[in-house]
Amino acid sequence: MWKSGKAGSVALLFGALLIGLSGCQKQEGPAEKAGKEVDKATEKVGQQVEKAGNSIQDAARGDKK
């Protein structure tokens, strides 16, 4: 079995490793930024298409909003 001191040391080392690796993240480049913008635009278009579809269904049923 592990002694509490050894387990604490392993936990401390693991925590330090995670903190160190999180600081090494690369900055977003222009392609990543453009990709995120495309994703946002696609999501907005999808929402508008869904609204239009709902409006068409409502009109077909005779409902007005």
Foldseek 3Di string as FASTA:
>chain_A
DDDPVVVVVVVVVVVVVVVVVVVPDDDDDPVVVVVVVVVVVVVVVVVVVVVVVVVVVCVVVVHDD
